Amino acid sequence: MAGTILGFQAGVWRSGGVGTLLGLVLGLAIAYRFVMKSGAKPLPTAPDTTLPSVLKALYLQQAITTWAIEAQSYDDEKLHAEFGRFVREHQPGQVLPSQTPGVVKI
């Protein structure tokens, strides 16, 4: 829109058609440049996001999903015991075990 106004104010193209076209092209070029410059900026990272922590999170997400599906039929006592085993086996507070870098599991 600002480009259209600039085109009208240029003086030479007061007839409107050429000025509108020039203003539209200028406005689109400015908008395109703004979008491309904004899109080139990297997104901010969350605190403490390192490759090992992300790999551990992916590993735990897959493991807890499988475990939760299996645990649907457990009674309270067995659920508590099995969750304790899960925590000991997968060690959520430790870096290892984790997913191998470069491996995609679905």
N, C-alpha and C. Protein backbone atom coordinates (compact mmCIF):
# COMPACT_ATOMS: atom_id res chain seq x y z
N MET A 1 0.83 -1.18 0.00
CA MET A 1 0.00 0.00 0.00
C MET A 1 0.87 1.25 0.00
N ALA A 2 1.92 1.22 0.82
CA ALA A 2 2.84 2.36 0.84
C ALA A 2 3.51 2.51 -0.51
N GLY A 3 3.80 1.37 -1.16
CA GLY A 3 4.39 1.43 -2.48
C GLY A 3 3.45 2.05 -3.49
N THR A 4 2.17 1.80 -3.40
CA THR A 4 1.19 2.40 -4.30
C THR A 4 1.15 3.91 -4.10
N ILE A 5 1.16 4.33 -2.86
CA ILE A 5 1.17 5.77 -2.57
C ILE A 5 2.44 6.41 -3.12
N LEU A 6 3.57 5.73 -2.95
CA LEU A 6 4.83 6.25 -3.50
C LEU A 6 4.74 6.37 -5.02
N GLY A 7 4.13 5.36 -5.64
CA GLY A 7 3.98 5.41 -7.09
C GLY A 7 3.13 6.58 -7.54
N PHE A 8 2.06 6.88 -6.83
CA PHE A 8 1.21 8.02 -7.17
C PHE A 8 1.94 9.33 -6.94
N GLN A 9 2.77 9.38 -5.91
CA GLN A 9 3.44 10.62 -5.56
C GLN A 9 4.68 10.88 -6.40
N ALA A 10 5.07 9.93 -7.21
CA ALA A 10 6.29 10.10 -8.00
C ALA A 10 6.17 11.24 -9.00
N GLY A 11 4.97 11.62 -9.36
CA GLY A 11 4.80 12.78 -10.21
C GLY A 11 4.72 12.45 -11.69
N VAL A 12 5.60 11.63 -12.19
CA VAL A 12 5.65 11.32 -13.60
C VAL A 12 4.47 10.44 -13.98
N TRP A 13 4.06 9.56 -13.10
CA TRP A 13 3.00 8.59 -13.42
C TRP A 13 1.67 8.96 -12.75
N ARG A 14 1.29 10.20 -12.83
CA ARG A 14 0.07 10.65 -12.15
C ARG A 14 -1.20 10.09 -12.79
N SER A 15 -1.08 9.48 -13.92
CA SER A 15 -2.29 8.92 -14.55
C SER A 15 -2.84 7.77 -13.71
N GLY A 16 -2.05 7.17 -12.88
CA GLY A 16 -2.53 6.15 -11.97
C GLY A 16 -2.20 4.74 -12.37
N GLY A 17 -2.37 4.36 -13.60
CA GLY A 17 -2.15 2.98 -14.03
C GLY A 17 -0.72 2.53 -13.85
N VAL A 18 0.20 3.27 -14.42
CA VAL A 18 1.62 2.92 -14.32
C VAL A 18 2.09 3.12 -12.89
N GLY A 19 1.62 4.18 -12.24
CA GLY A 19 2.02 4.45 -10.85
C GLY A 19 1.53 3.36 -9.91
N THR A 20 0.31 2.92 -10.13
CA THR A 20 -0.23 1.85 -9.29
C THR A 20 0.56 0.56 -9.49
N LEU A 21 0.86 0.25 -10.73
CA LEU A 21 1.62 -0.96 -11.02
C LEU A 21 3.02 -0.88 -10.41
N LEU A 22 3.68 0.27 -10.60
CA LEU A 22 5.01 0.44 -10.02
C LEU A 22 4.96 0.37 -8.50
N GLY A 23 3.95 1.01 -7.91
CA GLY A 23 3.81 0.98 -6.46
C GLY A 23 3.53 -0.42 -5.95
N LEU A 24 2.72 -1.16 -6.67
CA LEU A 24 2.41 -2.53 -6.27
C LEU A 24 3.65 -3.40 -6.33
N VAL A 25 4.41 -3.28 -7.39
CA VAL A 25 5.65 -4.06 -7.53
C VAL A 25 6.63 -3.68 -6.44
N LEU A 26 6.76 -2.39 -6.17
CA LEU A 26 7.67 -1.93 -5.12
C LEU A 26 7.21 -2.44 -3.76
N GLY A 27 5.91 -2.36 -3.51
CA GLY A 27 5.37 -2.84 -2.23
C GLY A 27 5.59 -4.33 -2.04
N LEU A 28 5.36 -5.10 -3.09
CA LEU A 28 5.59 -6.54 -3.01
C LEU A 28 7.07 -6.86 -2.81
N ALA A 29 7.94 -6.11 -3.46
CA ALA A 29 9.38 -6.34 -3.30
C ALA A 29 9.81 -6.05 -1.86
N ILE A 30 9.28 -4.97 -1.29
CA ILE A 30 9.61 -4.64 0.10
C ILE A 30 9.07 -5.71 1.04
N ALA A 31 7.84 -6.16 0.83
CA ALA A 31 7.25 -7.19 1.67
C ALA A 31 8.02 -8.51 1.55
N TYR A 32 8.40 -8.87 0.33
CA TYR A 32 9.17 -10.09 0.11
C TYR A 32 10.50 -10.03 0.84
N ARG A 33 11.17 -8.90 0.73
CA ARG A 33 12.47 -8.74 1.40
C ARG A 33 12.31 -8.85 2.92
N PHE A 34 11.26 -8.25 3.46
CA PHE A 34 11.01 -8.31 4.89
C PHE A 34 10.75 -9.74 5.35
N VAL A 35 9.91 -10.46 4.60
CA VAL A 35 9.59 -11.85 4.97
C VAL A 35 10.83 -12.73 4.88
N MET A 36 11.62 -12.58 3.83
CA MET A 36 12.82 -13.40 3.68
C MET A 36 13.86 -13.09 4.76
N LYS A 37 14.01 -11.83 5.11
CA LYS A 37 14.97 -11.45 6.15
C LYS A 37 14.51 -11.98 7.51
N SER A 38 13.21 -11.89 7.78
CA SER A 38 12.68 -12.39 9.05
C SER A 38 12.78 -13.91 9.12
N GLY A 39 12.55 -14.58 8.00
CA GLY A 39 12.61 -16.04 7.96
C GLY A 39 14.02 -16.59 8.07
N ALA A 40 15.02 -15.79 7.77
CA ALA A 40 16.40 -16.25 7.84
C ALA A 40 16.94 -16.27 9.27
N LYS A 41 16.25 -15.61 10.19
CA LYS A 41 16.71 -15.59 11.58
C LYS A 41 16.42 -16.94 12.22
N PRO A 42 17.39 -17.49 12.96
CA PRO A 42 17.13 -18.77 13.63
C PRO A 42 16.15 -18.59 14.78
N LEU A 43 15.37 -19.63 15.03
CA LEU A 43 14.45 -19.59 16.16
C LEU A 43 15.24 -19.71 17.46
N PRO A 44 14.79 -19.09 18.52
CA PRO A 44 15.50 -19.22 19.79
C PRO A 44 15.39 -20.65 20.32
N THR A 45 16.43 -21.09 20.98
CA THR A 45 16.41 -22.44 21.55
C THR A 45 15.94 -22.40 22.99
N ALA A 46 15.37 -23.48 23.41
CA ALA A 46 14.95 -23.60 24.80
C ALA A 46 16.18 -23.80 25.68
N PRO A 47 16.09 -23.42 26.94
CA PRO A 47 17.24 -23.61 27.82
C PRO A 47 17.61 -25.09 27.95
N ASP A 48 18.89 -25.35 28.07
CA ASP A 48 19.42 -26.70 28.28
C ASP A 48 19.03 -27.68 27.17
N THR A 49 18.95 -27.23 25.94
CA THR A 49 18.67 -28.14 24.84
C THR A 49 19.97 -28.47 24.14
N THR A 50 20.49 -29.60 24.51
CA THR A 50 21.69 -30.12 23.88
C THR A 50 21.30 -31.39 23.13
N LEU A 51 22.15 -31.84 22.25
CA LEU A 51 21.85 -33.06 21.51
C LEU A 51 21.63 -34.24 22.44
N PRO A 52 22.48 -34.46 23.45
CA PRO A 52 22.22 -35.59 24.35
C PRO A 52 20.88 -35.50 25.08
N SER A 53 20.49 -34.30 25.50
CA SER A 53 19.21 -34.18 26.21
C SER A 53 18.02 -34.41 25.27
N VAL A 54 18.13 -33.97 24.03
CA VAL A 54 17.06 -34.20 23.07
C VAL A 54 16.97 -35.69 22.71
N LEU A 55 18.12 -36.33 22.53
CA LEU A 55 18.12 -37.77 22.23
C LEU A 55 17.53 -38.57 23.39
N LYS A 56 17.85 -38.16 24.63
CA LYS A 56 17.28 -38.84 25.80
C LYS A 56 15.77 -38.64 25.85
N ALA A 57 15.31 -37.44 25.53
CA ALA A 57 13.87 -37.16 25.54
C ALA A 57 13.15 -38.02 24.50
N LEU A 58 13.72 -38.15 23.31
CA LEU A 58 13.11 -38.99 22.27
C LEU A 58 13.06 -40.45 22.71
N TYR A 59 14.16 -40.90 23.31
CA TYR A 59 14.24 -42.27 23.80
C TYR A 59 13.17 -42.52 24.87
N LEU A 60 13.05 -41.61 25.83
CA LEU A 60 12.06 -41.78 26.90
C LEU A 60 10.64 -41.70 26.37
N GLN A 61 10.40 -40.83 25.40
CA GLN A 61 9.06 -40.71 24.82
C GLN A 61 8.63 -42.02 24.19
N GLN A 62 9.53 -42.65 23.46
CA GLN A 62 9.20 -43.93 22.83
C GLN A 62 9.03 -45.04 23.87
N ALA A 63 9.92 -45.04 24.87
CA ALA A 63 9.87 -46.09 25.89
C ALA A 63 8.62 -45.97 26.75
N ILE A 64 8.27 -44.76 27.18
CA ILE A 64 7.10 -44.60 28.05
C ILE A 64 5.81 -44.87 27.29
N THR A 65 5.78 -44.58 26.00
CA THR A 65 4.59 -44.88 25.20
C THR A 65 4.36 -46.38 25.14
N THR A 66 5.40 -47.12 24.85
CA THR A 66 5.29 -48.59 24.80
C THR A 66 4.90 -49.14 26.16
N TRP A 67 5.54 -48.65 27.22
CA TRP A 67 5.25 -49.12 28.57
C TRP A 67 3.81 -48.80 28.97
N ALA A 68 3.35 -47.60 28.66
CA ALA A 68 1.99 -47.19 29.05
C ALA A 68 0.93 -48.05 28.37
N ILE A 69 1.19 -48.44 27.13
CA ILE A 69 0.24 -49.31 26.43
C ILE A 69 0.19 -50.67 27.12
N GLU A 70 1.36 -51.21 27.49
CA GLU A 70 1.41 -52.50 28.18
C GLU A 70 0.77 -52.42 29.57
N ALA A 71 0.88 -51.28 30.24
CA ALA A 71 0.45 -51.14 31.63
C ALA A 71 -1.04 -50.87 31.79
N GLN A 72 -1.79 -50.85 30.74
CA GLN A 72 -3.21 -50.54 30.83
C GLN A 72 -3.98 -51.52 31.71
N SER A 73 -3.58 -52.76 31.73
CA SER A 73 -4.32 -53.77 32.49
C SER A 73 -3.76 -54.04 33.88
N TYR A 74 -2.71 -53.33 34.29
CA TYR A 74 -2.09 -53.58 35.59
C TYR A 74 -2.96 -53.08 36.72
N ASP A 75 -2.95 -53.81 37.85
CA ASP A 75 -3.59 -53.29 39.05
C ASP A 75 -2.63 -52.31 39.72
N ASP A 76 -3.07 -51.65 40.79
CA ASP A 76 -2.27 -50.59 41.41
C ASP A 76 -0.90 -51.06 41.88
N GLU A 77 -0.86 -52.22 42.53
CA GLU A 77 0.40 -52.73 43.07
C GLU A 77 1.38 -53.06 41.95
N LYS A 78 0.90 -53.75 40.93
CA LYS A 78 1.77 -54.11 39.81
C LYS A 78 2.20 -52.87 39.04
N LEU A 79 1.30 -51.90 38.89
CA LEU A 79 1.63 -50.65 38.19
C LEU A 79 2.77 -49.93 38.90
N HIS A 80 2.69 -49.86 40.22
CA HIS A 80 3.73 -49.19 41.01
C HIS A 80 5.06 -49.92 40.87
N ALA A 81 5.04 -51.23 40.95
CA ALA A 81 6.27 -52.02 40.83
C ALA A 81 6.87 -51.91 39.43
N GLU A 82 6.02 -52.00 38.42
CA GLU A 82 6.51 -51.92 37.05
C GLU A 82 7.04 -50.53 36.69
N PHE A 83 6.41 -49.49 37.24
CA PHE A 83 6.93 -48.15 36.98
C PHE A 83 8.30 -47.96 37.64
N GLY A 84 8.46 -48.51 38.84
CA GLY A 84 9.78 -48.47 39.49
C GLY A 84 10.83 -49.17 38.65
N ARG A 85 10.47 -50.32 38.08
CA ARG A 85 11.39 -51.04 37.20
C ARG A 85 11.70 -50.21 35.95
N PHE A 86 10.68 -49.57 35.40
CA PHE A 86 10.88 -48.73 34.22
C PHE A 86 11.88 -47.61 34.51
N VAL A 87 11.72 -46.95 35.66
CA VAL A 87 12.62 -45.84 36.01
C VAL A 87 14.04 -46.35 36.22
N ARG A 88 14.19 -47.49 36.90
CA ARG A 88 15.54 -48.05 37.10
C ARG A 88 16.18 -48.45 35.77
N GLU A 89 15.39 -49.01 34.88
CA GLU A 89 15.92 -49.49 33.60
C GLU A 89 16.28 -48.35 32.66
N HIS A 90 15.44 -47.33 32.59
CA HIS A 90 15.64 -46.27 31.60
C HIS A 90 16.32 -45.02 32.15
N GLN A 91 16.45 -44.88 33.45
CA GLN A 91 17.19 -43.80 34.12
C GLN A 91 16.91 -42.42 33.52
N PRO A 92 15.72 -41.87 33.75
CA PRO A 92 15.37 -40.57 33.16
C PRO A 92 16.32 -39.42 33.52
N GLY A 93 16.94 -39.45 34.67
CA GLY A 93 17.84 -38.36 35.07
C GLY A 93 19.24 -38.46 34.50
N GLN A 94 19.56 -39.55 33.84
CA GLN A 94 20.90 -39.77 33.28
C GLN A 94 20.88 -39.62 31.76
N VAL A 95 22.04 -39.35 31.19
CA VAL A 95 22.14 -39.16 29.74
C VAL A 95 21.95 -40.49 29.01
N LEU A 96 22.51 -41.55 29.58
CA LEU A 96 22.40 -42.87 28.94
C LEU A 96 21.48 -43.76 29.77
N PRO A 97 20.74 -44.64 29.21
CA PRO A 97 20.64 -44.97 27.79
C PRO A 97 19.85 -43.92 27.03
N SER A 98 20.15 -43.78 25.76
CA SER A 98 19.42 -42.82 24.93
C SER A 98 19.37 -43.32 23.49
N GLN A 99 18.68 -42.56 22.68
CA GLN A 99 18.59 -42.90 21.26
C GLN A 99 19.92 -42.62 20.59
N THR A 100 20.27 -43.44 19.63
CA THR A 100 21.53 -43.26 18.90
C THR A 100 21.39 -42.08 17.96
N PRO A 101 22.38 -41.16 17.91
CA PRO A 101 22.30 -40.03 16.98
C PRO A 101 22.17 -40.51 15.54
N GLY A 102 21.29 -39.86 14.80
CA GLY A 102 21.11 -40.17 13.39
C GLY A 102 20.14 -41.31 13.11
N VAL A 103 19.60 -41.91 14.16
CA VAL A 103 18.66 -43.02 13.99
C VAL A 103 17.24 -42.48 14.19
N VAL A 104 16.37 -42.78 13.26
CA VAL A 104 14.97 -42.37 13.36
C VAL A 104 14.16 -43.62 13.63
N LYS A 105 13.45 -43.63 14.76
CA LYS A 105 12.58 -44.76 15.10
C LYS A 105 11.15 -44.29 15.03
N ILE A 106 10.32 -45.07 14.40
CA ILE A 106 8.91 -44.72 14.29
C ILE A 106 8.08 -45.76 15.00
